[in-house]
C-alpha atoms as a PDB file:
ATOM      1  CA  UNK A   1      12.617  34.431 118.445  1.00  0.00           C
ATOM      2  CA  UNK A   2      10.649  37.981 117.310  1.00  0.00           C
ATOM      3  CA  UNK A   3      10.773  36.245 113.607  1.00  0.00           C
ATOM      4  CA  UNK A   4       9.508  33.185 114.646  1.00  0.00           C
ATOM      5  CA  UNK A   5       6.544  34.698 116.821  1.00  0.00           C
ATOM      6  CA  UNK A   6       5.944  36.784 113.834  1.00  0.00           C
ATOM      7  CA  UNK A   7       5.692  33.887 111.490  1.00  0.00           C
ATOM      8  CA  UNK A   8       3.530  31.903 113.591  1.00  0.00           C
ATOM      9  CA  UNK A   9       0.921  35.094 114.139  1.00  0.00           C
ATOM     10  CA  UNK A  10       0.965  34.760 110.466  1.00  0.00           C
ATOM     11  CA  UNK A  11       0.168  31.260 110.055  1.00  0.00           C
ATOM     12  CA  UNK A  12      -2.682  31.780 113.191  1.00  0.00           C
ATOM     13  CA  UNK A  13      -3.873  34.677 111.186  1.00  0.00           C
ATOM     14  CA  UNK A  14      -4.537  32.749 107.999  1.00  0.00           C
ATOM     15  CA  UNK A  15      -5.561  29.544 109.075  1.00  0.00           C
ATOM     16  CA  UNK A  16      -8.186  30.387 112.185  1.00  0.00           C
ATOM     17  CA  UNK A  17     -11.215  32.147 111.350  1.00  0.00           C
ATOM     18  CA  UNK A  18     -14.891  31.266 110.298  1.00  0.00           C
ATOM     19  CA  UNK A  19     -13.810  28.885 107.879  1.00  0.00           C
ATOM     20  CA  UNK A  20     -10.623  26.981 108.868  1.00  0.00           C
ATOM     21  CA  UNK A  21      -7.895  26.374 106.533  1.00  0.00           C
ATOM     22  CA  UNK A  22      -5.583  23.582 107.541  1.00  0.00           C
ATOM     23  CA  UNK A  23      -1.474  24.657 107.791  1.00  0.00           C
ATOM     24  CA  UNK A  24      -0.743  22.054 104.976  1.00  0.00           C
ATOM     25  CA  UNK A  25      -3.310  23.673 102.683  1.00  0.00           C
ATOM     26  CA  UNK A  26      -2.563  26.846 103.089  1.00  0.00           C
ATOM     27  CA  UNK A  27       1.019  26.720 102.647  1.00  0.00           C
ATOM     28  CA  UNK A  28      -0.268  24.747  99.410  1.00  0.00           C
ATOM     29  CA  UNK A  29      -2.422  27.668  98.283  1.00  0.00           C
ATOM     30  CA  UNK A  30       0.575  29.908  98.830  1.00  0.00           C
ATOM     31  CA  UNK A  31       2.901  27.943  96.618  1.00  0.00           C
ATOM     32  CA  UNK A  32       0.477  27.785  94.006  1.00  0.00           C
ATOM     33  CA  UNK A  33       1.193  31.807  93.386  1.00  0.00           C
ATOM     34  CA  UNK A  34       4.829  31.676  93.290  1.00  0.00           C
ATOM     35  CA  UNK A  35       6.439  32.212  89.966  1.00  0.00           C
ATOM     36  CA  UNK A  36       7.968  28.777  88.248  1.00  0.00           C
ATOM     37  CA  UNK A  37       5.827  26.323  91.091  1.00  0.00           C
ATOM     38  CA  UNK A  38       3.199  24.174  90.306  1.00  0.00           C
ATOM     39  CA  UNK A  39       0.848  22.659  92.469  1.00  0.00           C
ATOM     40  CA  UNK A  40      -1.886  20.609  92.078  1.00  0.00           C
ATOM     41  CA  UNK A  41      -5.205  21.925  93.213  1.00  0.00           C
ATOM     42  CA  UNK A  42      -6.622  19.666  96.288  1.00  0.00           C
ATOM     43  CA  UNK A  43      -8.528  22.442  97.933  1.00  0.00           C
ATOM     44  CA  UNK A  44     -11.976  24.277  97.572  1.00  0.00           C
ATOM     45  CA  UNK A  45     -11.764  27.282  95.697  1.00  0.00           C
ATOM     46  CA  UNK A  46     -13.544  29.359  98.014  1.00  0.00           C
ATOM     47  CA  UNK A  47     -10.420  28.827 100.232  1.00  0.00           C
ATOM     48  CA  UNK A  48      -8.201  30.290  97.522  1.00  0.00           C
ATOM     49  CA  UNK A  49     -10.360  33.374  97.640  1.00  0.00           C
ATOM     50  CA  UNK A  50     -10.190  33.634 101.375  1.00  0.00           C
ATOM     51  CA  UNK A  51      -6.354  33.486 101.647  1.00  0.00           C
ATOM     52  CA  UNK A  52      -5.687  35.730  98.759  1.00  0.00           C
ATOM     53  CA  UNK A  53      -8.671  38.337  98.846  1.00  0.00           C
ATOM     54  CA  UNK A  54      -9.489  38.166 102.327  1.00  0.00           C
ATOM     55  CA  UNK A  55      -7.083  37.195 104.911  1.00  0.00           C
ATOM     56  CA  UNK A  56      -3.892  38.073 103.456  1.00  0.00           C
ATOM     57  CA  UNK A  57      -4.110  41.559 102.825  1.00  0.00           C
ATOM     58  CA  UNK A  58      -6.089  41.667 106.350  1.00  0.00           C
ATOM     59  CA  UNK A  59      -2.814  39.976 108.272  1.00  0.00           C
ATOM     60  CA  UNK A  60      -0.479  41.927 106.376  1.00  0.00           C
ATOM     61  CA  UNK A  61      -1.994  45.403 106.951  1.00  0.00           C
ATOM     62  CA  UNK A  62      -2.273  44.481 110.703  1.00  0.00           C
ATOM     63  CA  UNK A  63       1.318  43.674 110.802  1.00  0.00           C
ATOM     64  CA  UNK A  64       2.213  46.764 109.179  1.00  0.00           C
ATOM     65  CA  UNK A  65       0.126  48.820 111.258  1.00  0.00           C
ATOM     66  CA  UNK A  66       1.193  47.168 114.468  1.00  0.00           C
ATOM     67  CA  UNK A  67       5.301  47.604 113.247  1.00  0.00           C
ATOM     68  CA  UNK A  68       4.233  51.501 112.294  1.00  0.00           C
ATOM     69  CA  UNK A  69       2.668  51.943 115.673  1.00  0.00           C
ATOM     70  CA  UNK A  70       5.164  50.130 117.897  1.00  0.00           C
ATOM     71  CA  UNK A  71       8.067  51.736 116.002  1.00  0.00           C
ATOM     72  CA  UNK A  72       6.690  55.157 116.241  1.00  0.00           C
ATOM     73  CA  UNK A  73       5.967  54.936 120.044  1.00  0.00           C
ATOM     74  CA  UNK A  74       9.505  53.925 120.469  1.00  0.00           C
ATOM     75  CA  UNK A  75      11.066  56.915 118.415  1.00  0.00           C
ATOM     76  CA  UNK A  76       8.505  59.374 120.673  1.00  0.00           C
ATOM     77  CA  UNK A  77       9.799  57.717 123.977  1.00  0.00           C
ATOM     78  CA  UNK A  78      13.330  58.339 122.799  1.00  0.00           C
ATOM     79  CA  UNK A  79      13.124  61.712 121.278  1.00  0.00           C
ATOM     80  CA  UNK A  80      10.954  63.210 124.253  1.00  0.00           C
ATOM     81  CA  UNK A  81      12.599  61.214 126.870  1.00  0.00           C
ATOM     82  CA  UNK A  82       9.783  60.199 128.374  1.00  0.00           C
ATOM     83  CA  UNK A  83       8.476  56.433 128.629  1.00  0.00           C
ATOM     84  CA  UNK A  84       4.827  57.644 128.851  1.00  0.00           C
ATOM     85  CA  UNK A  85       4.898  58.895 125.371  1.00  0.00           C
ATOM     86  CA  UNK A  86       3.175  57.209 122.431  1.00  0.00           C
ATOM     87  CA  UNK A  87       2.443  57.172 118.614  1.00  0.00           C
ATOM     88  CA  UNK A  88      -0.895  59.856 119.838  1.00  0.00           C
ATOM     89  CA  UNK A  89       0.702  62.284 122.192  1.00  0.00           C
ATOM     90  CA  UNK A  90       1.152  65.270 120.092  1.00  0.00           C
ATOM     91  CA  UNK A  91      -2.066  65.495 118.134  1.00  0.00           C
ATOM     92  CA  UNK A  92      -2.144  62.692 115.701  1.00  0.00           C
ATOM     93  CA  UNK A  93      -4.867  60.761 117.108  1.00  0.00           C
ATOM     94  CA  UNK A  94      -7.028  63.535 117.841  1.00  0.00           C
ATOM     95  CA  UNK A  95      -6.268  65.217 114.423  1.00  0.00           C
ATOM     96  CA  UNK A  96      -7.041  62.038 112.310  1.00  0.00           C
ATOM     97  CA  UNK A  97     -10.259  61.513 114.443  1.00  0.00           C
ATOM     98  CA  UNK A  98     -11.452  65.036 113.485  1.00  0.00           C
ATOM     99  CA  UNK A  99     -10.305  64.608 109.656  1.00  0.00           C
ATOM    100  CA  UNK A 100     -12.442  61.232 109.647  1.00  0.00           C
ATOM    101  CA  UNK A 101     -15.441  62.645 111.455  1.00  0.00           C
ATOM    102  CA  UNK A 102     -15.425  65.629 108.730  1.00  0.00           C
ATOM    103  CA  UNK A 103     -15.200  63.357 105.722  1.00  0.00           C
ATOM    104  CA  UNK A 104     -18.193  61.060 107.232  1.00  0.00           C
ATOM    105  CA  UNK A 105     -20.321  63.813 107.662  1.00  0.00           C
ATOM    106  CA  UNK A 106     -19.066  66.178 104.422  1.00  0.00           C
ATOM    107  CA  UNK A 107     -21.157  65.262 100.995  1.00  0.00           C
ATOM    108  CA  UNK A 108     -17.962  64.194  99.582  1.00  0.00           C
ATOM    109  CA  UNK A 109     -17.719  60.698  97.889  1.00  0.00           C
ATOM    110  CA  UNK A 110     -15.012  59.021  95.733  1.00  0.00           C
ATOM    111  CA  UNK A 111     -12.652  56.099  95.250  1.00  0.00           C
ATOM    112  CA  UNK A 112      -9.413  55.830  93.883  1.00  0.00           C
ATOM    113  CA  UNK A 113      -7.872  52.420  94.552  1.00  0.00           C
ATOM    114  CA  UNK A 114      -7.176  52.975  98.433  1.00  0.00           C
ATOM    115  CA  UNK A 115      -7.820  56.685  98.445  1.00  0.00           C
ATOM    116  CA  UNK A 116     -11.278  57.570  99.786  1.00  0.00           C
ATOM    117  CA  UNK A 117     -12.287  60.752 101.814  1.00  0.00           C
ATOM    118  CA  UNK A 118     -11.793  59.024 104.945  1.00  0.00           C
ATOM    119  CA  UNK A 119      -8.244  58.072 105.057  1.00  0.00           C
ATOM    120  CA  UNK A 120      -7.365  61.230 103.245  1.00  0.00           C
ATOM    121  CA  UNK A 121      -8.804  63.521 105.472  1.00  0.00           C
ATOM    122  CA  UNK A 122      -7.627  61.233 108.911  1.00  0.00           C
ATOM    123  CA  UNK A 123      -4.086  61.979 106.993  1.00  0.00           C
ATOM    124  CA  UNK A 124      -4.363  65.420 106.690  1.00  0.00           C
ATOM    125  CA  UNK A 125      -6.035  65.881 109.978  1.00  0.00           C
ATOM    126  CA  UNK A 126      -3.399  64.401 112.012  1.00  0.00           C
ATOM    127  CA  UNK A 127      -0.417  65.930 110.037  1.00  0.00           C
ATOM    128  CA  UNK A 128      -2.225  69.560 110.590  1.00  0.00           C
ATOM    129  CA  UNK A 129      -2.470  68.645 114.381  1.00  0.00           C
ATOM    130  CA  UNK A 130       1.360  67.580 114.648  1.00  0.00           C
ATOM    131  CA  UNK A 131       2.522  70.663 112.417  1.00  0.00           C
ATOM    132  CA  UNK A 132       0.235  73.258 114.814  1.00  0.00           C
ATOM    133  CA  UNK A 133       1.696  71.883 118.440  1.00  0.00           C
ATOM    134  CA  UNK A 134       5.226  71.733 116.731  1.00  0.00           C
ATOM    135  CA  UNK A 135       5.095  75.362 115.658  1.00  0.00           C
ATOM    136  CA  UNK A 136       3.131  76.621 118.876  1.00  0.00           C
ATOM    137  CA  UNK A 137       5.867  74.485 121.059  1.00  0.00           C
ATOM    138  CA  UNK A 138       9.245  76.201 119.168  1.00  0.00           C
ATOM    139  CA  UNK A 139      10.539  78.789 121.206  1.00  0.00           C
ATOM    140  CA  UNK A 140      13.619  80.807 119.096  1.00  0.00           C
ATOM    141  CA  UNK A 141      15.159  77.590 117.395  1.00  0.00           C
ATOM    142  CA  UNK A 142      14.322  75.334 119.921  1.00  0.00           C
ATOM    143  CA  UNK A 143      11.292  73.022 120.329  1.00  0.00           C
ATOM    144  CA  UNK A 144      11.493  72.213 124.466  1.00  0.00           C
ATOM    145  CA  UNK A 145      10.079  68.863 124.959  1.00  0.00           C
ATOM    146  CA  UNK A 146       7.949  69.877 127.936  1.00  0.00           C
ATOM    147  CA  UNK A 147       6.551  72.493 125.807  1.00  0.00           C
ATOM    148  CA  UNK A 148       5.869  70.005 122.951  1.00  0.00           C
ATOM    149  CA  UNK A 149       4.062  67.557 125.038  1.00  0.00           C
ATOM    150  CA  UNK A 150       2.184  70.688 126.546  1.00  0.00           C
ATOM    151  CA  UNK A 151       1.036  71.605 123.324  1.00  0.00           C
ATOM    152  CA  UNK A 152       0.016  68.385 121.779  1.00  0.00           C
ATOM    153  CA  UNK A 153      -2.503  68.014 124.865  1.00  0.00           C
ATOM    154  CA  UNK A 154      -4.186  71.094 124.079  1.00  0.00           C
ATOM    155  CA  UNK A 155      -4.372  70.662 120.633  1.00  0.00           C
ATOM    156  CA  UNK A 156      -5.913  67.450 121.186  1.00  0.00           C
ATOM    157  CA  UNK A 157      -8.232  68.719 123.677  1.00  0.00           C
ATOM    158  CA  UNK A 158      -9.347  71.301 120.853  1.00  0.00           C
ATOM    159  CA  UNK A 159      -9.659  68.810 118.312  1.00  0.00           C
ATOM    160  CA  UNK A 160     -11.573  66.238 120.868  1.00  0.00           C
ATOM    161  CA  UNK A 161     -13.856  69.393 121.463  1.00  0.00           C
ATOM    162  CA  UNK A 162     -14.807  69.972 117.624  1.00  0.00           C
ATOM    163  CA  UNK A 163     -15.030  66.688 117.193  1.00  0.00           C
ATOM    164  CA  UNK A 164     -17.850  65.744 120.081  1.00  0.00           C
ATOM    165  CA  UNK A 165     -19.589  68.813 118.579  1.00  0.00           C
ATOM    166  CA  UNK A 166     -19.815  66.904 115.033  1.00  0.00           C
ATOM    167  CA  UNK A 167     -21.270  63.867 117.055  1.00  0.00           C
ATOM    168  CA  UNK A 168     -23.998  65.606 117.593  1.00  0.00           C
ATOM    169  CA  UNK A 169     -24.677  66.401 113.928  1.00  0.00           C
ATOM    170  CA  UNK A 170     -23.842  62.994 112.801  1.00  0.00           C
ATOM    171  CA  UNK A 171     -27.393  61.687 112.946  1.00  0.00           C
ATOM    172  CA  UNK A 172     -26.821  58.224 111.140  1.00  0.00           C
ATOM    173  CA  UNK A 173     -23.512  58.385 110.321  1.00  0.00           C
ATOM    174  CA  UNK A 174     -22.609  58.326 114.377  1.00  0.00           C
ATOM    175  CA  UNK A 175     -22.009  54.190 114.526  1.00  0.00           C
ATOM    176  CA  UNK A 176     -19.585  54.148 111.586  1.00  0.00           C
ATOM    177  CA  UNK A 177     -17.937  57.288 113.353  1.00  0.00           C
ATOM    178  CA  UNK A 178     -17.634  55.239 116.241  1.00  0.00           C
ATOM    179  CA  UNK A 179     -16.305  52.097 114.544  1.00  0.00           C
ATOM    180  CA  UNK A 180     -13.586  53.952 112.594  1.00  0.00           C
ATOM    181  CA  UNK A 181     -12.429  55.835 115.718  1.00  0.00           C
ATOM    182  CA  UNK A 182     -12.152  52.370 117.856  1.00  0.00           C
ATOM    183  CA  UNK A 183     -10.172  50.777 115.141  1.00  0.00           C
ATOM    184  CA  UNK A 184     -11.019  48.196 112.376  1.00  0.00           C
ATOM    185  CA  UNK A 185      -9.348  46.214 110.004  1.00  0.00           C
ATOM    186  CA  UNK A 186     -12.402  45.147 108.547  1.00  0.00           C
ATOM    187  CA  UNK A 187     -12.654  45.752 104.856  1.00  0.00           C
ATOM    188  CA  UNK A 188      -8.673  45.365 104.544  1.00  0.00           C
ATOM    189  CA  UNK A 189      -7.460  45.351 101.090  1.00  0.00           C
ATOM    190  CA  UNK A 190      -4.441  44.654  98.962  1.00  0.00           C
ATOM    191  CA  UNK A 191      -4.818  48.378  97.909  1.00  0.00           C
ATOM    192  CA  UNK A 192      -4.313  49.401 101.476  1.00  0.00           C
ATOM    193  CA  UNK A 193      -1.359  47.474 102.197  1.00  0.00           C
ATOM    194  CA  UNK A 194       0.410  48.970  99.023  1.00  0.00           C
ATOM    195  CA  UNK A 195      -0.471  52.773 100.464  1.00  0.00           C
ATOM    196  CA  UNK A 196       0.766  52.065 104.015  1.00  0.00           C
ATOM    197  CA  UNK A 197       4.514  50.062 102.907  1.00  0.00           C
ATOM    198  CA  UNK A 198       6.029  53.328 101.532  1.00  0.00           C
ATOM    199  CA  UNK A 199       5.196  55.570 104.922  1.00  0.00           C
ATOM    200  CA  UNK A 200       6.216  52.660 107.356  1.00  0.00           C
ATOM    201  CA  UNK A 201       9.486  51.882 104.942  1.00  0.00           C
ATOM    202  CA  UNK A 202      10.695  55.680 104.950  1.00  0.00           C
ATOM    203  CA  UNK A 203       9.894  56.036 108.633  1.00  0.00           C
ATOM    204  CA  UNK A 204      11.994  53.392 109.464  1.00  0.00           C
ATOM    205  CA  UNK A 205      14.826  53.549 107.379  1.00  0.00           C
ATOM    206  CA  UNK A 206      15.058  57.426 108.603  1.00  0.00           C
ATOM    207  CA  UNK A 207      14.562  56.588 112.125  1.00  0.00           C
ATOM    208  CA  UNK A 208      17.016  53.444 111.961  1.00  0.00           C
ATOM    209  CA  UNK A 209      19.948  55.827 110.850  1.00  0.00           C
ATOM    210  CA  UNK A 210      19.488  57.566 114.242  1.00  0.00           C
ATOM    211  CA  UNK A 211      19.477  54.773 116.668  1.00  0.00           C
ATOM    212  CA  UNK A 212      22.950  56.132 117.882  1.00  0.00           C
ATOM    213  CA  UNK A 213      21.963  59.355 118.278  1.00  0.00           C
ATOM    214  CA  UNK A 214      18.696  58.121 120.119  1.00  0.00           C
ATOM    215  CA  UNK A 215      21.153  56.287 122.401  1.00  0.00           C
ATOM    216  CA  UNK A 216      23.237  59.753 123.436  1.00  0.00           C
ATOM    217  CA  UNK A 217      19.436  61.885 123.506  1.00  0.00           C
ATOM    218  CA  UNK A 218      18.985  59.554 126.521  1.00  0.00           C
ATOM    219  CA  UNK A 219      21.858  61.375 128.544  1.00  0.00           C
ATOM    220  CA  UNK A 220      20.458  65.215 127.860  1.00  0.00           C
ATOM    221  CA  UNK A 221      20.310  67.457 125.085  1.00  0.00           C
ATOM    222  CA  UNK A 222      23.333  69.301 126.513  1.00  0.00           C
ATOM    223  CA  UNK A 223      25.847  66.441 126.466  1.00  0.00           C
ATOM    224  CA  UNK A 224      24.542  65.332 122.901  1.00  0.00           C
ATOM    225  CA  UNK A 225      25.252  68.633 121.706  1.00  0.00           C
ATOM    226  CA  UNK A 226      28.623  68.753 123.453  1.00  0.00           C
ATOM    227  CA  UNK A 227      29.857  65.513 121.028  1.00  0.00           C
ATOM    228  CA  UNK A 228      28.558  67.097 117.534  1.00  0.00           C
ATOM    229  CA  UNK A 229      24.922  66.255 117.782  1.00  0.00           C
ATOM    230  CA  UNK A 230      22.410  68.877 116.128  1.00  0.00           C
ATOM    231  CA  UNK A 231      19.553  68.251 118.642  1.00  0.00           C
ATOM    232  CA  UNK A 232      16.982  70.427 117.257  1.00  0.00           C
ATOM    233  CA  UNK A 233      17.479  69.011 113.471  1.00  0.00           C
ATOM    234  CA  UNK A 234      17.673  65.491 114.899  1.00  0.00           C
ATOM    235  CA  UNK A 235      14.505  66.074 117.250  1.00  0.00           C
ATOM    236  CA  UNK A 236      12.358  67.560 114.335  1.00  0.00           C
ATOM    237  CA  UNK A 237      13.810  64.986 111.676  1.00  0.00           C
ATOM    238  CA  UNK A 238      12.399  61.981 113.858  1.00  0.00           C
ATOM    239  CA  UNK A 239       9.268  63.509 114.821  1.00  0.00           C
ATOM    240  CA  UNK A 240       8.157  64.370 111.517  1.00  0.00           C
ATOM    241  CA  UNK A 241       9.222  61.170 110.209  1.00  0.00           C
ATOM    242  CA  UNK A 242       7.237  58.861 113.288  1.00  0.00           C
ATOM    243  CA  UNK A 243       4.145  61.449 112.789  1.00  0.00           C
ATOM    244  CA  UNK A 244       3.939  60.728 109.063  1.00  0.00           C
ATOM    245  CA  UNK A 245       4.157  56.804 109.840  1.00  0.00           C
ATOM    246  CA  UNK A 246       1.528  57.077 112.464  1.00  0.00           C
ATOM    247  CA  UNK A 247      -0.986  59.345 110.399  1.00  0.00           C
ATOM    248  CA  UNK A 248      -0.591  57.078 107.605  1.00  0.00           C
ATOM    249  CA  UNK A 249      -1.322  54.068 109.410  1.00  0.00           C
ATOM    250  CA  UNK A 250      -4.131  55.593 111.485  1.00  0.00           C
ATOM    251  CA  UNK A 251      -5.520  56.389 108.071  1.00  0.00           C
ATOM    252  CA  UNK A 252      -6.216  53.393 107.077  1.00  0.00           C
ATOM    253  CA  UNK A 253      -7.046  51.579 110.763  1.00  0.00           C
ATOM    254  CA  UNK A 254      -8.409  54.010 112.588  1.00  0.00           C
ATOM    255  CA  UNK A 255      -7.169  54.998 116.121  1.00  0.00           C
ATOM    256  CA  UNK A 256      -5.660  51.700 117.471  1.00  0.00           C
ATOM    257  CA  UNK A 257      -4.497  52.391 121.035  1.00  0.00           C
ATOM    258  CA  UNK A 258      -1.897  50.930 123.470  1.00  0.00           C
ATOM    259  CA  UNK A 259       0.809  49.282 120.848  1.00  0.00           C
ATOM    260  CA  UNK A 260       3.214  52.198 120.578  1.00  0.00           C
ATOM    261  CA  UNK A 261       2.914  52.544 124.375  1.00  0.00           C
ATOM    262  CA  UNK A 262       3.117  48.931 125.622  1.00  0.00           C
ATOM    263  CA  UNK A 263       5.266  47.175 122.803  1.00  0.00           C
ATOM    264  CA  UNK A 264       8.449  49.242 123.445  1.00  0.00           C
ATOM    265  CA  UNK A 265       8.147  48.838 127.176  1.00  0.00           C
ATOM    266  CA  UNK A 266       8.217  45.182 126.879  1.00  0.00           C
ATOM    267  CA  UNK A 267      11.184  45.244 124.728  1.00  0.00           C
ATOM    268  CA  UNK A 268      12.887  47.535 127.019  1.00  0.00           C
ATOM    269  CA  UNK A 269      12.573  45.498 130.035  1.00  0.00           C
ATOM    270  CA  UNK A 270      13.412  42.233 128.225  1.00  0.00           C
ATOM    271  CA  UNK A 271      16.441  43.300 125.917  1.00  0.00           C
ATOM    272  CA  UNK A 272      17.567  46.881 127.188  1.00  0.00           C
ATOM    273  CA  UNK A 273      17.317  50.190 125.851  1.00  0.00           C
ATOM    274  CA  UNK A 274      20.015  50.250 123.294  1.00  0.00           C
ATOM    275  CA  UNK A 275      17.590  51.958 120.609  1.00  0.00           C
ATOM    276  CA  UNK A 276      20.105  50.267 117.737  1.00  0.00           C
ATOM    277  CA  UNK A 277      18.179  47.077 119.399  1.00  0.00           C
ATOM    278  CA  UNK A 278      14.545  48.565 120.687  1.00  0.00           C
ATOM    279  CA  UNK A 279      13.864  49.828 117.375  1.00  0.00           C
ATOM    280  CA  UNK A 280      13.939  46.960 114.926  1.00  0.00           C
ATOM    281  CA  UNK A 281      12.542  44.864 117.648  1.00  0.00           C
ATOM    282  CA  UNK A 282       9.281  46.970 118.271  1.00  0.00           C
ATOM    283  CA  UNK A 283       8.253  46.422 114.669  1.00  0.00           C
ATOM    284  CA  UNK A 284       8.813  42.959 115.020  1.00  0.00           C
ATOM    285  CA  UNK A 285       6.456  42.260 118.250  1.00  0.00           C
ATOM    286  CA  UNK A 286       4.121  45.426 117.141  1.00  0.00           C
ATOM    287  CA  UNK A 287       3.285  43.498 113.877  1.00  0.00           C
ATOM    288  CA  UNK A 288       3.127  40.251 115.946  1.00  0.00           C
ATOM    289  CA  UNK A 289       0.707  41.928 118.532  1.00  0.00           C
ATOM    290  CA  UNK A 290      -1.869  43.576 116.573  1.00  0.00           C
ATOM    291  CA  UNK A 291      -1.847  40.496 114.421  1.00  0.00           C
ATOM    292  CA  UNK A 292      -2.900  38.170 117.291  1.00  0.00           C
ATOM    293  CA  UNK A 293      -5.313  41.289 118.325  1.00  0.00           C
ATOM    294  CA  UNK A 294      -6.811  41.562 115.334  1.00  0.00           C
ATOM    295  CA  UNK A 295      -7.344  37.451 115.228  1.00  0.00           C
ATOM    296  CA  UNK A 296      -8.963  37.963 118.888  1.00  0.00           C
ATOM    297  CA  UNK A 297     -11.425  40.604 117.498  1.00  0.00           C
ATOM    298  CA  UNK A 298     -12.871  38.745 114.513  1.00  0.00           C
ATOM    299  CA  UNK A 299     -13.356  35.333 116.218  1.00  0.00           C
ATOM    300  CA  UNK A 300     -13.976  36.245 119.831  1.00  0.00           C
ATOM    301  CA  UNK A 301     -17.651  36.845 119.036  1.00  0.00           C
ATOM    302  CA  UNK A 302     -17.931  35.136 115.391  1.00  0.00           C
ATOM    303  CA  UNK A 303     -19.611  36.052 112.922  1.00  0.00           C
ATOM    304  CA  UNK A 304     -19.620  39.520 114.751  1.00  0.00           C
ATOM    305  CA  UNK A 305     -16.529  41.405 115.067  1.00  0.00           C
ATOM    306  CA  UNK A 306     -15.408  43.955 117.642  1.00  0.00           C
ATOM    307  CA  UNK A 307     -13.383  46.783 116.750  1.00  0.00           C
ATOM    308  CA  UNK A 308      -9.510  45.684 117.322  1.00  0.00           C
ATOM    309  CA  UNK A 309      -8.818  48.764 119.416  1.00  0.00           C
ATOM    310  CA  UNK A 310     -11.251  47.662 122.114  1.00  0.00           C
ATOM    311  CA  UNK A 311      -8.804  44.169 122.390  1.00  0.00           C
ATOM    312  CA  UNK A 312      -5.563  46.202 122.113  1.00  0.00           C
ATOM    313  CA  UNK A 313      -6.980  48.317 125.257  1.00  0.00           C
ATOM    314  CA  UNK A 314      -8.134  45.092 126.915  1.00  0.00           C
ATOM    315  CA  UNK A 315      -4.477  43.104 126.865  1.00  0.00           C
ATOM    316  CA  UNK A 316      -2.411  46.793 126.935  1.00  0.00           C
ATOM    317  CA  UNK A 317      -4.239  48.647 129.736  1.00  0.00           C
ATOM    318  CA  UNK A 318      -3.783  45.646 132.614  1.00  0.00           C
ATOM    319  CA  UNK A 319       0.099  45.019 130.766  1.00  0.00           C
ATOM    320  CA  UNK A 320       1.020  48.475 131.142  1.00  0.00           C
ATOM    321  CA  UNK A 321       0.167  48.730 134.912  1.00  0.00           C
ATOM    322  CA  UNK A 322       1.903  45.175 135.357  1.00  0.00           C
ATOM    323  CA  UNK A 323       4.764  47.216 133.600  1.00  0.00           C
ATOM    324  CA  UNK A 324       4.534  50.235 136.285  1.00  0.00           C
ATOM    325  CA  UNK A 325       4.417  48.399 139.081  1.00  0.00           C
ATOM    326  CA  UNK A 326       7.128  45.535 138.096  1.00  0.00           C
ATOM    327  CA  UNK A 327       9.169  48.987 137.072  1.00  0.00           C
ATOM    328  CA  UNK A 328       9.064  50.523 140.353  1.00  0.00           C
ATOM    329  CA  UNK A 329      10.171  53.785 139.224  1.00  0.00           C
ATOM    330  CA  UNK A 330      12.786  52.584 136.816  1.00  0.00           C
ATOM    331  CA  UNK A 331      11.775  54.288 134.178  1.00  0.00           C
ATOM    332  CA  UNK A 332       9.882  56.970 135.808  1.00  0.00           C
END
C-alpha cells in the first residue's frame, strides 16, 4: 500500500501544476526517454521540458528529502527512546540555519554543480552542532540519552541566538534567508538529486542493518548490553548516520519540520513498533507526505508559492496533537 501511495503522489506531483499535463501524455513523455523505446511525439514540446527539467527533479528531490527526514526521525526516536525526538533534536536545524545565514551574508560566491556556499555552509553548520552536542554530552565512555538531548537543546539555543543577531545585519538578504529557513524545493535540479542520493543510501543501509538492535534498545540499555549489544557503539553509529543524512537533506531544501516527527508516529500506530518494519515504511510515507505537501505549496496560491515548511507545519502540528490525544500516554 505504501508503494502504491508513493506512485500516486509521484503522478500527482508530475501532472498537476500551472500547466496541467494529462497522465497519458506524462507516461508517453517518460517512456520516450527510456532506452530502446520509440514513442511518436504528440504532445507540446514545452510539456517535455516542464516534466524533465522542472517537475521530475523537484518531485524526486521532495521524495528523497521526505524519506530522509522521516527515516532519520524514526532512528532518533529509537536510539533516544523518546517518541518526541525528531531529526532536529540535537542541533541539526539550528546549526544548518546558522551556516546558511552565514553563507548568505559572506561575500563568497561560486557554483559547482549543486554545490554553492549555502548548502555547503548549511551541511557544515549542522554537523558541527551535532558534533559539539555529542562531545559535550559524553561522560567517560558513555553518552547518556538525557544529557545528549539537553546538550542538543543548549547548542540549538546558542546557534539560534547567533542567527537572530545575524538577521539584524542581513539587510536586503533577510527575505532570502527566511525563505530558505522555512524550507523550499523551488529551484530543484538534477544536481541536487544526485547530491542527496548517496547520503540517503548510506544512511539507510547503515540504519537498516541495525533494525533488530533498535528493537532490543527499546527495552533498556542494561538489558541490551546483557544480550551482547555494544550500546555506545551502536548509539554513536546510528546518531552519526541519521545526522549526516539529515544535514544533507537540510542543505538542499532548508528546514522542513514535522516530517521526521509525525510520519514515524503514524507508522507506529498502524503497523506497530518493530523497527524492521517501521524504518522502511517511514521512508515510503515520508516521501509521499513531502511530495503532497510540496504540491500544495506550489499550487494553492498559484502562480506564487509558499514555503513547503509552512504546509508541513499546518498539516503536521494538528495531526501530531491528535496523535497525542488518541495515544493517551501509550508512547509517552
